[in-house]
Amino acid sequence: MSPPTDSGPVPDVRGFQMRLDLRGTKPPVWRGLELAGDLTLSQVHEVIQAAMGWTDSHLHRFRTGRDHQSTYFVTTLDIEEGEDGVREDATRLDQLVATEGDRLWYQYDFGDDWDHVLTVEKVLDDPAAPARSTGGQGACPPEDCGGIGNFEQLATWARSGYDEALLPEVFDDADEAHDWLPQGWQPGQLDLERVKAAVSVVVANW
């Protein structure tokens, strides 16, 4: 598998209103974002982590193709391990997307395999900030829960009012499951103000 070798010319700075979807979730878990076009993919990665609620404790990868075997942009860790290719920290968002409907694929945690798609909803001539959250739906799955299938089981159990008959098989009992879940976690709840604050902290740290 060969990484991409050319990410295109650098255009003038614009911004994008984008929707980030966690693929395979029903009802959909998504976040609305406004991103400046001159953000690097490394910066977009930080925004995605903050907006979703991930903890950045696993590997990630950006691709321009939908297939997992498609070429990808290399991270600092990839380079340290001897890989060649176009660096995500040297590639701007607006080198990869330009018009409504353009997409970028983001994979997080190669074990649980969380696949996201970032889709341009609108091109912004004058973005209000380097990055900001504008909306969303659904809680982020708990880290290390085992992927979409296990997340669905957890969500079904929680929505049922913790019906013992629906307890996911990975747990011995309900007490173990409650101890493992993040405090107050509910699959349908999203604290949008908290998401906005998390993205603002990322921008401030730049």
C-alpha atoms as a PDB file:
ATOM      1  CA  MET A   1       0.000   0.000   0.000  1.00  0.00           C
ATOM      2  CA  SER A   2       1.562   3.285  -1.110  1.00  0.00           C
ATOM      3  CA  PRO A   3       0.701   6.632   0.525  1.00  0.00           C
ATOM      4  CA  PRO A   4      -0.331   9.502  -1.747  1.00  0.00           C
ATOM      5  CA  THR A   5       2.568  11.390  -3.286  1.00  0.00           C
ATOM      6  CA  ASP A   6       0.953  14.722  -4.160  1.00  0.00           C
ATOM      7  CA  SER A   7      -1.718  16.588  -2.210  1.00  0.00           C
ATOM      8  CA  GLY A   8      -2.131  19.338  -4.784  1.00  0.00           C
ATOM      9  CA  PRO A   9      -1.401  23.077  -4.934  1.00  0.00           C
ATOM     10  CA  VAL A  10      -2.055  25.344  -1.956  1.00  0.00           C
ATOM     11  CA  PRO A  11      -5.093  27.571  -2.677  1.00  0.00           C
ATOM     12  CA  ASP A  12      -6.212  30.816  -1.026  1.00  0.00           C
ATOM     13  CA  VAL A  13      -7.635  30.435   2.469  1.00  0.00           C
ATOM     14  CA  ARG A  14     -11.337  29.675   2.662  1.00  0.00           C
ATOM     15  CA  GLY A  15     -13.403  27.831   5.198  1.00  0.00           C
ATOM     16  CA  PHE A  16     -15.837  24.951   5.220  1.00  0.00           C
ATOM     17  CA  GLN A  17     -19.028  24.136   7.028  1.00  0.00           C
ATOM     18  CA  MET A  18     -18.692  20.380   7.501  1.00  0.00           C
ATOM     19  CA  ARG A  19     -20.546  17.453   8.999  1.00  0.00           C
ATOM     20  CA  LEU A  20     -18.591  14.729  10.760  1.00  0.00           C
ATOM     21  CA  ASP A  21     -20.425  11.395  10.873  1.00  0.00           C
ATOM     22  CA  LEU A  22     -19.422   8.289  12.810  1.00  0.00           C
ATOM     23  CA  ARG A  23     -20.270   5.637  10.254  1.00  0.00           C
ATOM     24  CA  GLY A  24     -22.547   2.763  11.179  1.00  0.00           C
ATOM     25  CA  THR A  25     -24.342   4.479  14.048  1.00  0.00           C
ATOM     26  CA  LYS A  26     -28.165   4.382  14.210  1.00  0.00           C
ATOM     27  CA  PRO A  27     -29.470   6.889  15.126  1.00  0.00           C
ATOM     28  CA  PRO A  28     -26.504   8.741  13.638  1.00  0.00           C
ATOM     29  CA  VAL A  29     -23.799  10.172  15.868  1.00  0.00           C
ATOM     30  CA  TRP A  30     -22.532  13.332  14.190  1.00  0.00           C
ATOM     31  CA  ARG A  31     -20.935  16.728  14.793  1.00  0.00           C
ATOM     32  CA  GLY A  32     -21.228  20.000  12.918  1.00  0.00           C
ATOM     33  CA  LEU A  33     -17.964  21.880  12.422  1.00  0.00           C
ATOM     34  CA  GLU A  34     -16.664  25.020  10.770  1.00  0.00           C
ATOM     35  CA  LEU A  35     -13.033  24.648   9.766  1.00  0.00           C
ATOM     36  CA  ALA A  36     -10.606  27.057   8.143  1.00  0.00           C
ATOM     37  CA  GLY A  37      -9.150  25.704   4.938  1.00  0.00           C
ATOM     38  CA  ASP A  38      -5.554  26.278   5.991  1.00  0.00           C
ATOM     39  CA  LEU A  39      -5.763  23.869   8.919  1.00  0.00           C
ATOM     40  CA  THR A  40      -3.403  20.934   8.544  1.00  0.00           C
ATOM     41  CA  LEU A  41      -4.775  17.434   8.822  1.00  0.00           C
ATOM     42  CA  SER A  42      -2.981  17.146  12.164  1.00  0.00           C
ATOM     43  CA  GLN A  43      -5.024  20.094  13.411  1.00  0.00           C
ATOM     44  CA  VAL A  44      -8.230  18.634  11.957  1.00  0.00           C
ATOM     45  CA  HIS A  45      -7.424  15.440  13.864  1.00  0.00           C
ATOM     46  CA  GLU A  46      -7.258  17.418  17.120  1.00  0.00           C
ATOM     47  CA  VAL A  47     -10.615  19.054  16.371  1.00  0.00           C
ATOM     48  CA  ILE A  48     -12.258  15.719  15.565  1.00  0.00           C
ATOM     49  CA  GLN A  49     -11.012  14.206  18.807  1.00  0.00           C
ATOM     50  CA  ALA A  50     -12.328  17.138  20.848  1.00  0.00           C
ATOM     51  CA  ALA A  51     -15.664  17.399  19.057  1.00  0.00           C
ATOM     52  CA  MET A  52     -16.423  13.690  19.207  1.00  0.00           C
ATOM     53  CA  GLY A  53     -15.210  13.193  22.756  1.00  0.00           C
ATOM     54  CA  TRP A  54     -12.443  10.706  21.979  1.00  0.00           C
ATOM     55  CA  THR A  55      -9.344  10.708  24.203  1.00  0.00           C
ATOM     56  CA  ASP A  56      -6.674  10.468  21.458  1.00  0.00           C
ATOM     57  CA  SER A  57      -5.358   7.280  23.036  1.00  0.00           C
ATOM     58  CA  HIS A  58      -5.176   5.264  19.807  1.00  0.00           C
ATOM     59  CA  LEU A  59      -3.732   5.567  16.319  1.00  0.00           C
ATOM     60  CA  HIS A  60      -5.564   7.415  13.565  1.00  0.00           C
ATOM     61  CA  ARG A  61      -5.400   7.854   9.805  1.00  0.00           C
ATOM     62  CA  PHE A  62      -6.811  10.160   7.116  1.00  0.00           C
ATOM     63  CA  ARG A  63      -7.673   8.846   3.669  1.00  0.00           C
ATOM     64  CA  THR A  64      -9.110  10.456   0.575  1.00  0.00           C
ATOM     65  CA  GLY A  65     -10.614   7.163  -0.591  1.00  0.00           C
ATOM     66  CA  ARG A  66     -13.405   5.229   1.099  1.00  0.00           C
ATOM     67  CA  ASP A  67     -11.689   1.829   0.946  1.00  0.00           C
ATOM     68  CA  HIS A  68      -9.496   0.870   3.906  1.00  0.00           C
ATOM     69  CA  GLN A  69      -6.866  -0.179   1.383  1.00  0.00           C
ATOM     70  CA  SER A  70      -6.786   3.262  -0.237  1.00  0.00           C
ATOM     71  CA  THR A  71      -3.775   5.497   0.186  1.00  0.00           C
ATOM     72  CA  TYR A  72      -3.413   7.523   3.352  1.00  0.00           C
ATOM     73  CA  PHE A  73      -1.495  10.443   4.819  1.00  0.00           C
ATOM     74  CA  VAL A  74       1.366   9.552   7.132  1.00  0.00           C
ATOM     75  CA  THR A  75       1.532  10.636  10.762  1.00  0.00           C
ATOM     76  CA  THR A  76       4.632  11.482  12.773  1.00  0.00           C
ATOM     77  CA  LEU A  77       4.563   7.956  14.207  1.00  0.00           C
ATOM     78  CA  ASP A  78       4.368   6.444  10.710  1.00  0.00           C
ATOM     79  CA  ILE A  79       7.481   8.396   9.747  1.00  0.00           C
ATOM     80  CA  GLU A  80       9.308   7.330  12.913  1.00  0.00           C
ATOM     81  CA  GLU A  81       8.560   3.746  11.922  1.00  0.00           C
ATOM     82  CA  GLY A  82      10.107   4.263   8.499  1.00  0.00           C
ATOM     83  CA  GLU A  83       7.074   4.942   6.312  1.00  0.00           C
ATOM     84  CA  ASP A  84       7.195   7.329   3.362  1.00  0.00           C
ATOM     85  CA  GLY A  85       4.454   9.522   1.987  1.00  0.00           C
ATOM     86  CA  VAL A  86       2.661  12.850   2.248  1.00  0.00           C
ATOM     87  CA  ARG A  87       2.678  14.069   5.834  1.00  0.00           C
ATOM     88  CA  GLU A  88      -0.656  14.935   7.429  1.00  0.00           C
ATOM     89  CA  ASP A  89       1.019  17.777   9.348  1.00  0.00           C
ATOM     90  CA  ALA A  90       2.094  19.342   6.045  1.00  0.00           C
ATOM     91  CA  THR A  91      -1.218  18.928   4.197  1.00  0.00           C
ATOM     92  CA  ARG A  92      -3.958  21.542   4.336  1.00  0.00           C
ATOM     93  CA  LEU A  93      -7.634  20.734   4.451  1.00  0.00           C
ATOM     94  CA  ASP A  94      -8.313  22.896   1.393  1.00  0.00           C
ATOM     95  CA  GLN A  95      -5.817  20.889  -0.630  1.00  0.00           C
ATOM     96  CA  LEU A  96      -8.199  17.939  -0.307  1.00  0.00           C
ATOM     97  CA  VAL A  97     -11.720  19.417  -0.336  1.00  0.00           C
ATOM     98  CA  ALA A  98     -13.037  22.374  -2.310  1.00  0.00           C
ATOM     99  CA  THR A  99     -16.778  22.131  -3.028  1.00  0.00           C
ATOM    100  CA  GLU A 100     -20.019  20.965  -1.431  1.00  0.00           C
ATOM    101  CA  GLY A 101     -20.171  17.201  -1.155  1.00  0.00           C
ATOM    102  CA  ASP A 102     -16.395  16.668  -1.050  1.00  0.00           C
ATOM    103  CA  ARG A 103     -15.387  14.108   1.577  1.00  0.00           C
ATOM    104  CA  LEU A 104     -12.452  13.124   3.733  1.00  0.00           C
ATOM    105  CA  TRP A 105     -12.260   9.832   5.621  1.00  0.00           C
ATOM    106  CA  TYR A 106     -10.873   9.509   9.156  1.00  0.00           C
ATOM    107  CA  GLN A 107     -10.211   6.248  10.978  1.00  0.00           C
ATOM    108  CA  TYR A 108      -9.552   6.093  14.726  1.00  0.00           C
ATOM    109  CA  ASP A 109      -8.450   3.094  16.804  1.00  0.00           C
ATOM    110  CA  PHE A 110      -7.482   0.333  14.391  1.00  0.00           C
ATOM    111  CA  GLY A 111      -8.819  -2.278  16.831  1.00  0.00           C
ATOM    112  CA  ASP A 112     -12.317  -0.889  17.444  1.00  0.00           C
ATOM    113  CA  ASP A 113     -12.160   0.608  13.944  1.00  0.00           C
ATOM    114  CA  TRP A 114     -14.147   3.819  14.295  1.00  0.00           C
ATOM    115  CA  ASP A 115     -14.722   5.149  10.776  1.00  0.00           C
ATOM    116  CA  HIS A 116     -15.714   8.782  10.305  1.00  0.00           C
ATOM    117  CA  VAL A 117     -16.545  10.753   7.200  1.00  0.00           C
ATOM    118  CA  LEU A 118     -16.133  14.530   7.037  1.00  0.00           C
ATOM    119  CA  THR A 119     -18.378  16.066   4.372  1.00  0.00           C
ATOM    120  CA  VAL A 120     -18.407  19.644   3.057  1.00  0.00           C
ATOM    121  CA  GLU A 121     -21.888  21.134   3.436  1.00  0.00           C
ATOM    122  CA  LYS A 122     -21.001  24.708   2.481  1.00  0.00           C
ATOM    123  CA  VAL A 123     -17.949  26.693   1.410  1.00  0.00           C
ATOM    124  CA  LEU A 124     -17.265  29.747   3.592  1.00  0.00           C
ATOM    125  CA  ASP A 125     -15.538  32.790   2.129  1.00  0.00           C
ATOM    126  CA  ASP A 126     -14.648  34.161   5.551  1.00  0.00           C
ATOM    127  CA  PRO A 127     -14.569  31.578   8.379  1.00  0.00           C
ATOM    128  CA  ALA A 128     -15.363  33.070  11.793  1.00  0.00           C
ATOM    129  CA  ALA A 129     -12.641  31.074  13.567  1.00  0.00           C
ATOM    130  CA  PRO A 130      -9.950  28.507  12.747  1.00  0.00           C
ATOM    131  CA  ALA A 131     -12.326  25.853  14.082  1.00  0.00           C
ATOM    132  CA  ARG A 132     -15.592  25.799  15.959  1.00  0.00           C
ATOM    133  CA  SER A 133     -18.416  23.399  16.764  1.00  0.00           C
ATOM    134  CA  THR A 134     -21.879  24.223  15.443  1.00  0.00           C
ATOM    135  CA  GLY A 135     -24.063  21.281  16.422  1.00  0.00           C
ATOM    136  CA  GLY A 136     -24.351  17.555  16.661  1.00  0.00           C
ATOM    137  CA  GLN A 137     -26.233  14.541  17.903  1.00  0.00           C
ATOM    138  CA  GLY A 138     -25.492  11.549  20.108  1.00  0.00           C
ATOM    139  CA  ALA A 139     -22.867  10.647  22.664  1.00  0.00           C
ATOM    140  CA  CYS A 140     -19.422   9.460  21.704  1.00  0.00           C
ATOM    141  CA  PRO A 141     -19.043   5.693  22.219  1.00  0.00           C
ATOM    142  CA  PRO A 142     -16.949   4.747  25.251  1.00  0.00           C
ATOM    143  CA  GLU A 143     -13.299   4.203  24.373  1.00  0.00           C
ATOM    144  CA  ASP A 144     -12.288   0.539  23.958  1.00  0.00           C
ATOM    145  CA  CYS A 145     -15.887  -0.702  23.921  1.00  0.00           C
ATOM    146  CA  GLY A 146     -15.158  -3.008  20.989  1.00  0.00           C
ATOM    147  CA  GLY A 147     -16.478  -1.166  17.955  1.00  0.00           C
ATOM    148  CA  ILE A 148     -19.880  -0.445  16.424  1.00  0.00           C
ATOM    149  CA  GLY A 149     -21.464  -3.784  17.316  1.00  0.00           C
ATOM    150  CA  ASN A 150     -20.643  -3.550  21.019  1.00  0.00           C
ATOM    151  CA  PHE A 151     -21.578   0.128  21.071  1.00  0.00           C
ATOM    152  CA  GLU A 152     -25.020  -0.759  19.718  1.00  0.00           C
ATOM    153  CA  GLN A 153     -25.462  -3.340  22.483  1.00  0.00           C
ATOM    154  CA  LEU A 154     -24.459  -0.801  25.140  1.00  0.00           C
ATOM    155  CA  ALA A 155     -26.802   1.805  23.667  1.00  0.00           C
ATOM    156  CA  THR A 156     -29.718  -0.624  23.510  1.00  0.00           C
ATOM    157  CA  TRP A 157     -29.148  -1.647  27.127  1.00  0.00           C
ATOM    158  CA  ALA A 158     -28.972   1.982  28.308  1.00  0.00           C
ATOM    159  CA  ARG A 159     -32.082   3.016  26.338  1.00  0.00           C
ATOM    160  CA  SER A 160     -34.022   0.102  27.852  1.00  0.00           C
ATOM    161  CA  GLY A 161     -33.494   1.487  31.331  1.00  0.00           C
ATOM    162  CA  TYR A 162     -30.758  -1.118  31.921  1.00  0.00           C
ATOM    163  CA  ASP A 163     -32.951  -4.149  31.408  1.00  0.00           C
ATOM    164  CA  GLU A 164     -30.928  -7.091  32.749  1.00  0.00           C
ATOM    165  CA  ALA A 165     -32.025  -9.221  29.810  1.00  0.00           C
ATOM    166  CA  LEU A 166     -30.253  -6.804  27.438  1.00  0.00           C
ATOM    167  CA  LEU A 167     -26.978  -6.588  29.357  1.00  0.00           C
ATOM    168  CA  PRO A 168     -24.100  -6.982  26.844  1.00  0.00           C
ATOM    169  CA  GLU A 169     -22.478 -10.395  27.134  1.00  0.00           C
ATOM    170  CA  VAL A 170     -19.011  -8.946  27.744  1.00  0.00           C
ATOM    171  CA  PHE A 171     -20.081  -8.029  31.303  1.00  0.00           C
ATOM    172  CA  ASP A 172     -20.636 -10.475  34.152  1.00  0.00           C
ATOM    173  CA  ASP A 173     -23.305  -8.304  35.720  1.00  0.00           C
ATOM    174  CA  ALA A 174     -24.868  -4.834  35.649  1.00  0.00           C
ATOM    175  CA  ASP A 175     -22.603  -3.521  38.423  1.00  0.00           C
ATOM    176  CA  GLU A 176     -19.534  -4.324  36.373  1.00  0.00           C
ATOM    177  CA  ALA A 177     -21.040  -2.564  33.346  1.00  0.00           C
ATOM    178  CA  HIS A 178     -21.983   0.559  35.309  1.00  0.00           C
ATOM    179  CA  ASP A 179     -18.503   0.729  36.851  1.00  0.00           C
ATOM    180  CA  TRP A 180     -16.939   0.488  33.400  1.00  0.00           C
ATOM    181  CA  LEU A 181     -19.113   3.043  31.602  1.00  0.00           C
ATOM    182  CA  PRO A 182     -18.173   6.748  31.788  1.00  0.00           C
ATOM    183  CA  GLN A 183     -20.104   8.436  34.578  1.00  0.00           C
ATOM    184  CA  GLY A 184     -23.510   9.654  33.382  1.00  0.00           C
ATOM    185  CA  TRP A 185     -23.062   8.218  29.876  1.00  0.00           C
ATOM    186  CA  GLN A 186     -26.258   8.065  27.829  1.00  0.00           C
ATOM    187  CA  PRO A 187     -26.157   7.274  24.094  1.00  0.00           C
ATOM    188  CA  GLY A 188     -28.668   9.946  23.094  1.00  0.00           C
ATOM    189  CA  GLN A 189     -27.254  12.808  25.131  1.00  0.00           C
ATOM    190  CA  LEU A 190     -24.873  15.439  23.801  1.00  0.00           C
ATOM    191  CA  ASP A 191     -23.646  18.378  25.853  1.00  0.00           C
ATOM    192  CA  LEU A 192     -23.138  20.792  22.971  1.00  0.00           C
ATOM    193  CA  GLU A 193     -21.714  23.562  25.166  1.00  0.00           C
ATOM    194  CA  ARG A 194     -19.101  21.139  26.435  1.00  0.00           C
ATOM    195  CA  VAL A 195     -18.236  20.168  22.857  1.00  0.00           C
ATOM    196  CA  LYS A 196     -17.905  23.818  21.849  1.00  0.00           C
ATOM    197  CA  ALA A 197     -15.653  24.483  24.851  1.00  0.00           C
ATOM    198  CA  ALA A 198     -13.457  21.465  24.037  1.00  0.00           C
ATOM    199  CA  VAL A 199     -12.938  22.661  20.450  1.00  0.00           C
ATOM    200  CA  SER A 200     -12.202  26.197  21.702  1.00  0.00           C
ATOM    201  CA  VAL A 201      -9.490  24.827  23.983  1.00  0.00           C
ATOM    202  CA  VAL A 202      -7.860  23.067  21.037  1.00  0.00           C
ATOM    203  CA  VAL A 203      -7.838  26.303  19.015  1.00  0.00           C
ATOM    204  CA  ALA A 204      -6.454  28.286  21.954  1.00  0.00           C
ATOM    205  CA  ASN A 205      -3.595  25.809  22.346  1.00  0.00           C
ATOM    206  CA  TRP A 206      -2.520  26.411  18.742  1.00  0.00           C
END
